[in-house]
Amino acid sequence: MKPTGDDFFDKVFQVVRLIPPGRVSSYGAIASYLGVARSARMVGWALNTCNWFETGIPAHRVVNRKGLLTGKHYFGGQTTMADLLKSEGIHIENDQIINLEKYFWNPATELL
């Protein structure tokens, strides 16, 4: 189920909306799924442009490949991203997801 349309940002938003509560993906996994494996930063740029609170795009569920909450400063508070993830049952210490493989959602395998 590949995203439709020509706009890269819209494709990113379509994929991110599919990440279930209690799971996370990475910028790189989303980029790879969209066919631009070396464009993880572009995924981050796309998510930085969305107003996650108003659009319902669960951008808090996208972290870096090591599980670090690198986008936390885009959520209006230093702990907002972590608080949102913790409310979904994800264990976090020092702005990093503990046991990332337990929570990781890879669109390449989940969206066949």
PDB file of N, CA and C in Angstrom:
ATOM      1  N   MET A   1       0.836  -1.187   0.000  1.00  0.00           N
ATOM      2  CA  MET A   1       0.000   0.000   0.000  1.00  0.00           C
ATOM      3  C   MET A   1       0.878   1.247   0.000  1.00  0.00           C
ATOM      4  N   LYS A   2       1.421   1.566  -1.138  1.00  0.00           N
ATOM      5  CA  LYS A   2       2.282   2.737  -1.285  1.00  0.00           C
ATOM      6  C   LYS A   2       1.438   4.011  -1.253  1.00  0.00           C
ATOM      7  N   PRO A   3       1.994   5.081  -0.661  1.00  0.00           N
ATOM      8  CA  PRO A   3       1.287   6.352  -0.643  1.00  0.00           C
ATOM      9  C   PRO A   3       1.049   6.862  -2.061  1.00  0.00           C
ATOM     10  N   THR A   4      -0.013   7.603  -2.226  1.00  0.00           N
ATOM     11  CA  THR A   4      -0.355   8.144  -3.537  1.00  0.00           C
ATOM     12  C   THR A   4       0.008   9.617  -3.611  1.00  0.00           C
ATOM     13  N   GLY A   5       0.039  10.141  -4.827  1.00  0.00           N
ATOM     14  CA  GLY A   5       0.333  11.549  -5.044  1.00  0.00           C
ATOM     15  C   GLY A   5       1.787  11.766  -5.395  1.00  0.00           C
ATOM     16  N   ASP A   6       2.090  13.016  -5.744  1.00  0.00           N
ATOM     17  CA  ASP A   6       3.437  13.365  -6.175  1.00  0.00           C
ATOM     18  C   ASP A   6       4.234  14.091  -5.105  1.00  0.00           C
ATOM     19  N   ASP A   7       3.579  14.665  -4.134  1.00  0.00           N
ATOM     20  CA  ASP A   7       4.264  15.476  -3.130  1.00  0.00           C
ATOM     21  C   ASP A   7       4.922  14.597  -2.072  1.00  0.00           C
ATOM     22  N   PHE A   8       6.239  14.727  -1.936  1.00  0.00           N
ATOM     23  CA  PHE A   8       6.994  13.904  -0.994  1.00  0.00           C
ATOM     24  C   PHE A   8       6.494  14.085   0.434  1.00  0.00           C
ATOM     25  N   PHE A   9       6.266  15.327   0.845  1.00  0.00           N
ATOM     26  CA  PHE A   9       5.811  15.576   2.206  1.00  0.00           C
ATOM     27  C   PHE A   9       4.484  14.873   2.472  1.00  0.00           C
ATOM     28  N   ASP A  10       3.563  14.938   1.517  1.00  0.00           N
ATOM     29  CA  ASP A  10       2.277  14.257   1.684  1.00  0.00           C
ATOM     30  C   ASP A  10       2.456  12.748   1.820  1.00  0.00           C
ATOM     31  N   LYS A  11       3.385  12.189   1.074  1.00  0.00           N
ATOM     32  CA  LYS A  11       3.660  10.755   1.179  1.00  0.00           C
ATOM     33  C   LYS A  11       4.190  10.415   2.569  1.00  0.00           C
ATOM     34  N   VAL A  12       5.076  11.252   3.091  1.00  0.00           N
ATOM     35  CA  VAL A  12       5.588  11.041   4.447  1.00  0.00           C
ATOM     36  C   VAL A  12       4.423  11.068   5.436  1.00  0.00           C
ATOM     37  N   PHE A  13       3.557  12.063   5.317  1.00  0.00           N
ATOM     38  CA  PHE A  13       2.421  12.189   6.239  1.00  0.00           C
ATOM     39  C   PHE A  13       1.517  10.961   6.158  1.00  0.00           C
ATOM     40  N   GLN A  14       1.295  10.448   4.948  1.00  0.00           N
ATOM     41  CA  GLN A  14       0.449   9.263   4.784  1.00  0.00           C
ATOM     42  C   GLN A  14       1.029   8.067   5.536  1.00  0.00           C
ATOM     43  N   VAL A  15       2.338   7.868   5.438  1.00  0.00           N
ATOM     44  CA  VAL A  15       2.984   6.744   6.122  1.00  0.00           C
ATOM     45  C   VAL A  15       2.941   6.938   7.631  1.00  0.00           C
ATOM     46  N   VAL A  16       3.274   8.123   8.093  1.00  0.00           N
ATOM     47  CA  VAL A  16       3.318   8.382   9.536  1.00  0.00           C
ATOM     48  C   VAL A  16       1.942   8.192  10.168  1.00  0.00           C
ATOM     49  N   ARG A  17       0.892   8.549   9.465  1.00  0.00           N
ATOM     50  CA  ARG A  17      -0.467   8.347   9.996  1.00  0.00           C
ATOM     51  C   ARG A  17      -0.778   6.862  10.231  1.00  0.00           C
ATOM     52  N   LEU A  18      -0.045   5.973   9.577  1.00  0.00           N
ATOM     53  CA  LEU A  18      -0.292   4.534   9.708  1.00  0.00           C
ATOM     54  C   LEU A  18       0.454   3.890  10.871  1.00  0.00           C
ATOM     55  N   ILE A  19       1.380   4.625  11.491  1.00  0.00           N
ATOM     56  CA  ILE A  19       2.124   4.059  12.630  1.00  0.00           C
ATOM     57  C   ILE A  19       1.154   3.901  13.793  1.00  0.00           C
ATOM     58  N   PRO A  20       0.965   2.683  14.270  1.00  0.00           N
ATOM     59  CA  PRO A  20      -0.016   2.462  15.342  1.00  0.00           C
ATOM     60  C   PRO A  20       0.453   3.023  16.688  1.00  0.00           C
ATOM     61  N   PRO A  21      -0.490   3.362  17.545  1.00  0.00           N
ATOM     62  CA  PRO A  21      -0.123   3.774  18.904  1.00  0.00           C
ATOM     63  C   PRO A  21       0.725   2.686  19.572  1.00  0.00           C
ATOM     64  N   GLY A  22       1.712   3.124  20.333  1.00  0.00           N
ATOM     65  CA  GLY A  22       2.584   2.170  21.013  1.00  0.00           C
ATOM     66  C   GLY A  22       3.714   1.639  20.164  1.00  0.00           C
ATOM     67  N   ARG A  23       3.848   2.153  18.958  1.00  0.00           N
ATOM     68  CA  ARG A  23       4.924   1.751  18.044  1.00  0.00           C
ATOM     69  C   ARG A  23       5.631   2.992  17.537  1.00  0.00           C
ATOM     70  N   VAL A  24       6.852   2.842  17.065  1.00  0.00           N
ATOM     71  CA  VAL A  24       7.617   3.943  16.487  1.00  0.00           C
ATOM     72  C   VAL A  24       8.294   3.478  15.211  1.00  0.00           C
ATOM     73  N   SER A  25       8.610   4.434  14.375  1.00  0.00           N
ATOM     74  CA  SER A  25       9.397   4.162  13.178  1.00  0.00           C
ATOM     75  C   SER A  25      10.563   5.153  13.169  1.00  0.00           C
ATOM     76  N   SER A  26      11.393   5.051  12.157  1.00  0.00           N
ATOM     77  CA  SER A  26      12.537   5.961  12.058  1.00  0.00           C
ATOM     78  C   SER A  26      12.447   6.745  10.750  1.00  0.00           C
ATOM     79  N   TYR A  27      13.151   7.861  10.746  1.00  0.00           N
ATOM     80  CA  TYR A  27      13.204   8.688   9.544  1.00  0.00           C
ATOM     81  C   TYR A  27      13.732   7.866   8.369  1.00  0.00           C
ATOM     82  N   GLY A  28      14.770   7.096   8.615  1.00  0.00           N
ATOM     83  CA  GLY A  28      15.383   6.291   7.567  1.00  0.00           C
ATOM     84  C   GLY A  28      14.486   5.182   7.052  1.00  0.00           C
ATOM     85  N   ALA A  29      13.756   4.522   7.945  1.00  0.00           N
ATOM     86  CA  ALA A  29      12.846   3.450   7.520  1.00  0.00           C
ATOM     87  C   ALA A  29      11.742   4.003   6.630  1.00  0.00           C
ATOM     88  N   ILE A  30      11.247   5.182   6.971  1.00  0.00           N
ATOM     89  CA  ILE A  30      10.199   5.808   6.158  1.00  0.00           C
ATOM     90  C   ILE A  30      10.765   6.233   4.814  1.00  0.00           C
ATOM     91  N   ALA A  31      11.944   6.836   4.810  1.00  0.00           N
ATOM     92  CA  ALA A  31      12.584   7.236   3.554  1.00  0.00           C
ATOM     93  C   ALA A  31      12.819   6.028   2.658  1.00  0.00           C
ATOM     94  N   SER A  32      13.330   4.960   3.231  1.00  0.00           N
ATOM     95  CA  SER A  32      13.584   3.748   2.460  1.00  0.00           C
ATOM     96  C   SER A  32      12.294   3.206   1.851  1.00  0.00           C
ATOM     97  N   TYR A  33      11.240   3.175   2.640  1.00  0.00           N
ATOM     98  CA  TYR A  33       9.948   2.695   2.151  1.00  0.00           C
ATOM     99  C   TYR A  33       9.447   3.533   0.977  1.00  0.00           C
ATOM    100  N   LEU A  34       9.732   4.819   1.024  1.00  0.00           N
ATOM    101  CA  LEU A  34       9.283   5.716  -0.043  1.00  0.00           C
ATOM    102  C   LEU A  34      10.215   5.708  -1.248  1.00  0.00           C
ATOM    103  N   GLY A  35      11.276   4.892  -1.192  1.00  0.00           N
ATOM    104  CA  GLY A  35      12.163   4.745  -2.335  1.00  0.00           C
ATOM    105  C   GLY A  35      13.291   5.755  -2.399  1.00  0.00           C
ATOM    106  N   VAL A  36      13.530   6.448  -1.287  1.00  0.00           N
ATOM    107  CA  VAL A  36      14.607   7.435  -1.232  1.00  0.00           C
ATOM    108  C   VAL A  36      15.439   7.178   0.021  1.00  0.00           C
ATOM    109  N   ALA A  37      16.059   6.028   0.056  1.00  0.00           N
ATOM    110  CA  ALA A  37      16.723   5.520   1.260  1.00  0.00           C
ATOM    111  C   ALA A  37      17.723   6.485   1.884  1.00  0.00           C
ATOM    112  N   ARG A  38      18.334   7.313   1.110  1.00  0.00           N
ATOM    113  CA  ARG A  38      19.345   8.223   1.646  1.00  0.00           C
ATOM    114  C   ARG A  38      18.762   9.592   2.010  1.00  0.00           C
ATOM    115  N   SER A  39      17.470   9.645   2.206  1.00  0.00           N
ATOM    116  CA  SER A  39      16.803  10.929   2.441  1.00  0.00           C
ATOM    117  C   SER A  39      16.081  10.990   3.778  1.00  0.00           C
ATOM    118  N   ALA A  40      16.675  10.402   4.800  1.00  0.00           N
ATOM    119  CA  ALA A  40      16.064  10.441   6.129  1.00  0.00           C
ATOM    120  C   ALA A  40      15.853  11.873   6.601  1.00  0.00           C
ATOM    121  N   ARG A  41      16.782  12.755   6.293  1.00  0.00           N
ATOM    122  CA  ARG A  41      16.634  14.158   6.716  1.00  0.00           C
ATOM    123  C   ARG A  41      15.429  14.818   6.058  1.00  0.00           C
ATOM    124  N   MET A  42      15.140  14.433   4.828  1.00  0.00           N
ATOM    125  CA  MET A  42      13.958  14.993   4.166  1.00  0.00           C
ATOM    126  C   MET A  42      12.680  14.583   4.894  1.00  0.00           C
ATOM    127  N   VAL A  43      12.661  13.372   5.420  1.00  0.00           N
ATOM    128  CA  VAL A  43      11.512  12.933   6.211  1.00  0.00           C
ATOM    129  C   VAL A  43      11.391  13.823   7.445  1.00  0.00           C
ATOM    130  N   GLY A  44      12.505  14.097   8.083  1.00  0.00           N
ATOM    131  CA  GLY A  44      12.502  14.995   9.233  1.00  0.00           C
ATOM    132  C   GLY A  44      12.022  16.387   8.871  1.00  0.00           C
ATOM    133  N   TRP A  45      12.472  16.897   7.743  1.00  0.00           N
ATOM    134  CA  TRP A  45      12.029  18.225   7.302  1.00  0.00           C
ATOM    135  C   TRP A  45      10.519  18.235   7.079  1.00  0.00           C
ATOM    136  N   ALA A  46      10.021  17.171   6.459  1.00  0.00           N
ATOM    137  CA  ALA A  46       8.575  17.093   6.232  1.00  0.00           C
ATOM    138  C   ALA A  46       7.824  17.142   7.557  1.00  0.00           C
ATOM    139  N   LEU A  47       8.268  16.358   8.517  1.00  0.00           N
ATOM    140  CA  LEU A  47       7.585  16.323   9.804  1.00  0.00           C
ATOM    141  C   LEU A  47       7.715  17.644  10.553  1.00  0.00           C
ATOM    142  N   ASN A  48       8.805  18.360  10.328  1.00  0.00           N
ATOM    143  CA  ASN A  48       8.970  19.657  10.972  1.00  0.00           C
ATOM    144  C   ASN A  48       7.984  20.686  10.443  1.00  0.00           C
ATOM    145  N   THR A  49       7.465  20.473   9.237  1.00  0.00           N
ATOM    146  CA  THR A  49       6.529  21.442   8.654  1.00  0.00           C
ATOM    147  C   THR A  49       5.091  21.196   9.073  1.00  0.00           C
ATOM    148  N   CYS A  50       4.798  20.012   9.532  1.00  0.00           N
ATOM    149  CA  CYS A  50       3.414  19.720   9.888  1.00  0.00           C
ATOM    150  C   CYS A  50       3.135  20.217  11.302  1.00  0.00           C
ATOM    151  N   ASN A  51       1.945  20.708  11.495  1.00  0.00           N
ATOM    152  CA  ASN A  51       1.531  21.061  12.849  1.00  0.00           C
ATOM    153  C   ASN A  51       0.870  19.804  13.403  1.00  0.00           C
ATOM    154  N   TRP A  52       1.660  18.954  14.020  1.00  0.00           N
ATOM    155  CA  TRP A  52       1.204  17.627  14.460  1.00  0.00           C
ATOM    156  C   TRP A  52      -0.029  17.701  15.333  1.00  0.00           C
ATOM    157  N   PHE A  53      -0.157  18.746  16.134  1.00  0.00           N
ATOM    158  CA  PHE A  53      -1.288  18.847  17.060  1.00  0.00           C
ATOM    159  C   PHE A  53      -2.591  19.076  16.301  1.00  0.00           C
ATOM    160  N   GLU A  54      -2.561  19.921  15.271  1.00  0.00           N
ATOM    161  CA  GLU A  54      -3.771  20.244  14.515  1.00  0.00           C
ATOM    162  C   GLU A  54      -4.076  19.236  13.424  1.00  0.00           C
ATOM    163  N   THR A  55      -3.058  18.632  12.824  1.00  0.00           N
ATOM    164  CA  THR A  55      -3.277  17.751  11.677  1.00  0.00           C
ATOM    165  C   THR A  55      -3.532  16.301  12.057  1.00  0.00           C
ATOM    166  N   GLY A  56      -3.213  15.954  13.286  1.00  0.00           N
ATOM    167  CA  GLY A  56      -3.393  14.565  13.694  1.00  0.00           C
ATOM    168  C   GLY A  56      -2.297  13.643  13.186  1.00  0.00           C
ATOM    169  N   ILE A  57      -1.224  14.199  12.654  1.00  0.00           N
ATOM    170  CA  ILE A  57      -0.095  13.386  12.205  1.00  0.00           C
ATOM    171  C   ILE A  57       0.730  13.034  13.439  1.00  0.00           C
ATOM    172  N   PRO A  58       0.837  11.754  13.767  1.00  0.00           N
ATOM    173  CA  PRO A  58       1.551  11.370  14.993  1.00  0.00           C
ATOM    174  C   PRO A  58       3.068  11.407  14.827  1.00  0.00           C
ATOM    175  N   ALA A  59       3.584  12.601  14.577  1.00  0.00           N
ATOM    176  CA  ALA A  59       5.017  12.790  14.331  1.00  0.00           C
ATOM    177  C   ALA A  59       5.861  12.361  15.522  1.00  0.00           C
ATOM    178  N   HIS A  60       5.276  12.324  16.704  1.00  0.00           N
ATOM    179  CA  HIS A  60       6.027  11.903  17.892  1.00  0.00           C
ATOM    180  C   HIS A  60       6.457  10.448  17.803  1.00  0.00           C
ATOM    181  N   ARG A  61       5.864   9.686  16.890  1.00  0.00           N
ATOM    182  CA  ARG A  61       6.190   8.270  16.721  1.00  0.00           C
ATOM    183  C   ARG A  61       7.347   8.031  15.767  1.00  0.00           C
ATOM    184  N   VAL A  62       8.029   9.089  15.350  1.00  0.00           N
ATOM    185  CA  VAL A  62       9.177   8.948  14.450  1.00  0.00           C
ATOM    186  C   VAL A  62      10.427   9.420  15.190  1.00  0.00           C
ATOM    187  N   VAL A  63      11.405   8.528  15.270  1.00  0.00           N
ATOM    188  CA  VAL A  63      12.639   8.784  16.008  1.00  0.00           C
ATOM    189  C   VAL A  63      13.829   8.476  15.098  1.00  0.00           C
ATOM    190  N   ASN A  64      15.030   8.715  15.590  1.00  0.00           N
ATOM    191  CA  ASN A  64      16.175   8.368  14.752  1.00  0.00           C
ATOM    192  C   ASN A  64      16.455   6.858  14.850  1.00  0.00           C
ATOM    193  N   ARG A  65      17.403   6.384  14.084  1.00  0.00           N
ATOM    194  CA  ARG A  65      17.644   4.936  13.980  1.00  0.00           C
ATOM    195  C   ARG A  65      18.089   4.293  15.282  1.00  0.00           C
ATOM    196  N   LYS A  66      18.559   5.101  16.223  1.00  0.00           N
ATOM    197  CA  LYS A  66      18.992   4.581  17.518  1.00  0.00           C
ATOM    198  C   LYS A  66      17.913   4.721  18.589  1.00  0.00           C
ATOM    199  N   GLY A  67      16.769   5.261  18.190  1.00  0.00           N
ATOM    200  CA  GLY A  67      15.687   5.447  19.148  1.00  0.00           C
ATOM    201  C   GLY A  67      15.756   6.742  19.924  1.00  0.00           C
ATOM    202  N   LEU A  68      16.609   7.659  19.494  1.00  0.00           N
ATOM    203  CA  LEU A  68      16.724   8.951  20.161  1.00  0.00           C
ATOM    204  C   LEU A  68      15.596   9.880  19.719  1.00  0.00           C
ATOM    205  N   LEU A  69      15.096  10.665  20.650  1.00  0.00           N
ATOM    206  CA  LEU A  69      14.023  11.603  20.366  1.00  0.00           C
ATOM    207  C   LEU A  69      14.618  12.902  19.822  1.00  0.00           C
ATOM    208  N   THR A  70      15.183  12.821  18.639  1.00  0.00           N
ATOM    209  CA  THR A  70      15.909  13.952  18.061  1.00  0.00           C
ATOM    210  C   THR A  70      14.991  15.094  17.641  1.00  0.00           C
ATOM    211  N   GLY A  71      13.722  14.852  17.446  1.00  0.00           N
ATOM    212  CA  GLY A  71      12.795  15.912  17.040  1.00  0.00           C
ATOM    213  C   GLY A  71      12.021  16.516  18.193  1.00  0.00           C
ATOM    214  N   LYS A  72      12.424  16.255  19.410  1.00  0.00           N
ATOM    215  CA  LYS A  72      11.641  16.652  20.581  1.00  0.00           C
ATOM    216  C   LYS A  72      11.397  18.147  20.684  1.00  0.00           C
ATOM    217  N   HIS A  73      12.304  18.965  20.174  1.00  0.00           N
ATOM    218  CA  HIS A  73      12.141  20.412  20.299  1.00  0.00           C
ATOM    219  C   HIS A  73      11.046  20.976  19.395  1.00  0.00           C
ATOM    220  N   TYR A  74      10.461  20.156  18.513  1.00  0.00           N
ATOM    221  CA  TYR A  74       9.372  20.603  17.650  1.00  0.00           C
ATOM    222  C   TYR A  74       7.997  20.369  18.261  1.00  0.00           C
ATOM    223  N   PHE A  75       7.951  19.911  19.492  1.00  0.00           N
ATOM    224  CA  PHE A  75       6.678  19.574  20.116  1.00  0.00           C
ATOM    225  C   PHE A  75       6.239  20.557  21.191  1.00  0.00           C
ATOM    226  N   GLY A  76       6.859  21.717  21.237  1.00  0.00           N
ATOM    227  CA  GLY A  76       6.413  22.761  22.134  1.00  0.00           C
ATOM    228  C   GLY A  76       6.845  22.623  23.582  1.00  0.00           C
ATOM    229  N   GLY A  77       7.667  21.678  23.880  1.00  0.00           N
ATOM    230  CA  GLY A  77       8.169  21.497  25.230  1.00  0.00           C
ATOM    231  C   GLY A  77       9.239  20.424  25.230  1.00  0.00           C
ATOM    232  N   GLN A  78      10.142  20.506  26.161  1.00  0.00           N
ATOM    233  CA  GLN A  78      11.255  19.558  26.189  1.00  0.00           C
ATOM    234  C   GLN A  78      10.822  18.121  26.454  1.00  0.00           C
ATOM    235  N   THR A  79       9.680  17.926  27.106  1.00  0.00           N
ATOM    236  CA  THR A  79       9.261  16.553  27.437  1.00  0.00           C
ATOM    237  C   THR A  79       8.004  16.111  26.704  1.00  0.00           C
ATOM    238  N   THR A  80       7.431  16.970  25.863  1.00  0.00           N
ATOM    239  CA  THR A  80       6.157  16.639  25.210  1.00  0.00           C
ATOM    240  C   THR A  80       6.245  15.358  24.388  1.00  0.00           C
ATOM    241  N   MET A  81       7.268  15.227  23.564  1.00  0.00           N
ATOM    242  CA  MET A  81       7.413  14.031  22.725  1.00  0.00           C
ATOM    243  C   MET A  81       7.536  12.787  23.596  1.00  0.00           C
ATOM    244  N   ALA A  82       8.392  12.850  24.596  1.00  0.00           N
ATOM    245  CA  ALA A  82       8.563  11.705  25.500  1.00  0.00           C
ATOM    246  C   ALA A  82       7.261  11.403  26.241  1.00  0.00           C
ATOM    247  N   ASP A  83       6.565  12.444  26.685  1.00  0.00           N
ATOM    248  CA  ASP A  83       5.304  12.240  27.401  1.00  0.00           C
ATOM    249  C   ASP A  83       4.270  11.548  26.521  1.00  0.00           C
ATOM    250  N   LEU A  84       4.190  11.956  25.252  1.00  0.00           N
ATOM    251  CA  LEU A  84       3.246  11.331  24.323  1.00  0.00           C
ATOM    252  C   LEU A  84       3.579   9.853  24.119  1.00  0.00           C
ATOM    253  N   LEU A  85       4.858   9.550  23.930  1.00  0.00           N
ATOM    254  CA  LEU A  85       5.273   8.162  23.730  1.00  0.00           C
ATOM    255  C   LEU A  85       5.054   7.332  24.994  1.00  0.00           C
ATOM    256  N   LYS A  86       5.369   7.898  26.131  1.00  0.00           N
ATOM    257  CA  LYS A  86       5.148   7.179  27.390  1.00  0.00           C
ATOM    258  C   LYS A  86       3.668   6.890  27.606  1.00  0.00           C
ATOM    259  N   SER A  87       2.807   7.824  27.199  1.00  0.00           N
ATOM    260  CA  SER A  87       1.365   7.610  27.355  1.00  0.00           C
ATOM    261  C   SER A  87       0.867   6.452  26.493  1.00  0.00           C
ATOM    262  N   GLU A  88       1.674   6.069  25.485  1.00  0.00           N
ATOM    263  CA  GLU A  88       1.341   4.942  24.614  1.00  0.00           C
ATOM    264  C   GLU A  88       2.049   3.665  25.057  1.00  0.00           C
ATOM    265  N   GLY A  89       2.731   3.724  26.205  1.00  0.00           N
ATOM    266  CA  GLY A  89       3.352   2.535  26.761  1.00  0.00           C
ATOM    267  C   GLY A  89       4.791   2.294  26.351  1.00  0.00           C
ATOM    268  N   ILE A  90       5.414   3.266  25.735  1.00  0.00           N
ATOM    269  CA  ILE A  90       6.801   3.121  25.289  1.00  0.00           C
ATOM    270  C   ILE A  90       7.736   3.557  26.409  1.00  0.00           C
ATOM    271  N   HIS A  91       8.720   2.729  26.701  1.00  0.00           N
ATOM    272  CA  HIS A  91       9.671   3.005  27.780  1.00  0.00           C
ATOM    273  C   HIS A  91      10.801   3.885  27.259  1.00  0.00           C
ATOM    274  N   ILE A  92      11.018   5.022  27.940  1.00  0.00           N
ATOM    275  CA  ILE A  92      12.023   5.991  27.523  1.00  0.00           C
ATOM    276  C   ILE A  92      12.864   6.394  28.721  1.00  0.00           C
ATOM    277  N   GLU A  93      14.159   6.463  28.496  1.00  0.00           N
ATOM    278  CA  GLU A  93      15.091   6.988  29.500  1.00  0.00           C
ATOM    279  C   GLU A  93      16.076   7.906  28.798  1.00  0.00           C
ATOM    280  N   ASN A  94      16.285   9.081  29.378  1.00  0.00           N
ATOM    281  CA  ASN A  94      17.248  10.047  28.831  1.00  0.00           C
ATOM    282  C   ASN A  94      17.006  10.325  27.346  1.00  0.00           C
ATOM    283  N   ASP A  95      15.747  10.547  26.993  1.00  0.00           N
ATOM    284  CA  ASP A  95      15.358  10.857  25.610  1.00  0.00           C
ATOM    285  C   ASP A  95      15.722   9.762  24.608  1.00  0.00           C
ATOM    286  N   GLN A  96      15.725   8.519  25.057  1.00  0.00           N
ATOM    287  CA  GLN A  96      15.975   7.398  24.155  1.00  0.00           C
ATOM    288  C   GLN A  96      15.017   6.264  24.486  1.00  0.00           C
ATOM    289  N   ILE A  97      14.495   5.642  23.438  1.00  0.00           N
ATOM    290  CA  ILE A  97      13.595   4.503  23.617  1.00  0.00           C
ATOM    291  C   ILE A  97      14.405   3.304  24.069  1.00  0.00           C
ATOM    292  N   ILE A  98      13.962   2.681  25.136  1.00  0.00           N
ATOM    293  CA  ILE A  98      14.598   1.478  25.658  1.00  0.00           C
ATOM    294  C   ILE A  98      13.948   0.277  24.968  1.00  0.00           C
ATOM    295  N   ASN A  99      14.785  -0.635  24.487  1.00  0.00           N
ATOM    296  CA  ASN A  99      14.300  -1.818  23.782  1.00  0.00           C
ATOM    297  C   ASN A  99      13.573  -1.430  22.486  1.00  0.00           C
ATOM    298  N   LEU A 100      14.233  -0.624  21.672  1.00  0.00           N
ATOM    299  CA  LEU A 100      13.656  -0.101  20.431  1.00  0.00           C
ATOM    300  C   LEU A 100      13.062  -1.195  19.553  1.00  0.00           C
ATOM    301  N   GLU A 101      13.747  -2.326  19.465  1.00  0.00           N
ATOM    302  CA  GLU A 101      13.263  -3.397  18.576  1.00  0.00           C
ATOM    303  C   GLU A 101      11.872  -3.900  18.980  1.00  0.00           C
ATOM    304  N   LYS A 102      11.519  -3.773  20.225  1.00  0.00           N
ATOM    305  CA  LYS A 102      10.192  -4.186  20.708  1.00  0.00           C
ATOM    306  C   LYS A 102       9.086  -3.289  20.132  1.00  0.00           C
ATOM    307  N   TYR A 103       9.387  -2.017  19.953  1.00  0.00           N
ATOM    308  CA  TYR A 103       8.387  -1.038  19.532  1.00  0.00           C
ATOM    309  C   TYR A 103       8.492  -0.649  18.059  1.00  0.00           C
ATOM    310  N   PHE A 104       9.558  -1.103  17.385  1.00  0.00           N
ATOM    311  CA  PHE A 104       9.833  -0.615  16.042  1.00  0.00           C
ATOM    312  C   PHE A 104       8.815  -1.105  15.024  1.00  0.00           C
ATOM    313  N   TRP A 105       8.340  -0.189  14.221  1.00  0.00           N
ATOM    314  CA  TRP A 105       7.374  -0.441  13.144  1.00  0.00           C
ATOM    315  C   TRP A 105       8.057  -0.074  11.835  1.00  0.00           C
ATOM    316  N   ASN A 106       8.306  -1.078  11.005  1.00  0.00           N
ATOM    317  CA  ASN A 106       8.987  -0.864   9.725  1.00  0.00           C
ATOM    318  C   ASN A 106       7.945  -0.895   8.611  1.00  0.00           C
ATOM    319  N   PRO A 107       7.708   0.232   7.936  1.00  0.00           N
ATOM    320  CA  PRO A 107       6.688   0.232   6.895  1.00  0.00           C
ATOM    321  C   PRO A 107       6.972  -0.760   5.763  1.00  0.00           C
ATOM    322  N   ALA A 108       8.231  -1.075   5.526  1.00  0.00           N
ATOM    323  CA  ALA A 108       8.569  -2.016   4.454  1.00  0.00           C
ATOM    324  C   ALA A 108       8.032  -3.416   4.737  1.00  0.00           C
ATOM    325  N   THR A 109       7.919  -3.782   6.004  1.00  0.00           N
ATOM    326  CA  THR A 109       7.405  -5.119   6.340  1.00  0.00           C
ATOM    327  C   THR A 109       5.957  -5.068   6.836  1.00  0.00           C
ATOM    328  N   GLU A 110       5.550  -3.950   7.387  1.00  0.00           N
ATOM    329  CA  GLU A 110       4.193  -3.834   7.918  1.00  0.00           C
ATOM    330  C   GLU A 110       3.159  -3.480   6.851  1.00  0.00           C
ATOM    331  N   LEU A 111       3.592  -2.796   5.805  1.00  0.00           N
ATOM    332  CA  LEU A 111       2.685  -2.350   4.753  1.00  0.00           C
ATOM    333  C   LEU A 111       2.921  -3.116   3.453  1.00  0.00           C
ATOM    334  N   LEU A 112       2.704  -4.368   3.492  1.00  0.00           N
ATOM    335  CA  LEU A 112       2.921  -5.196   2.294  1.00  0.00           C
ATOM    336  C   LEU A 112       1.792  -5.086   1.327  1.00  0.00           C
TER     337      LEU A 112
END
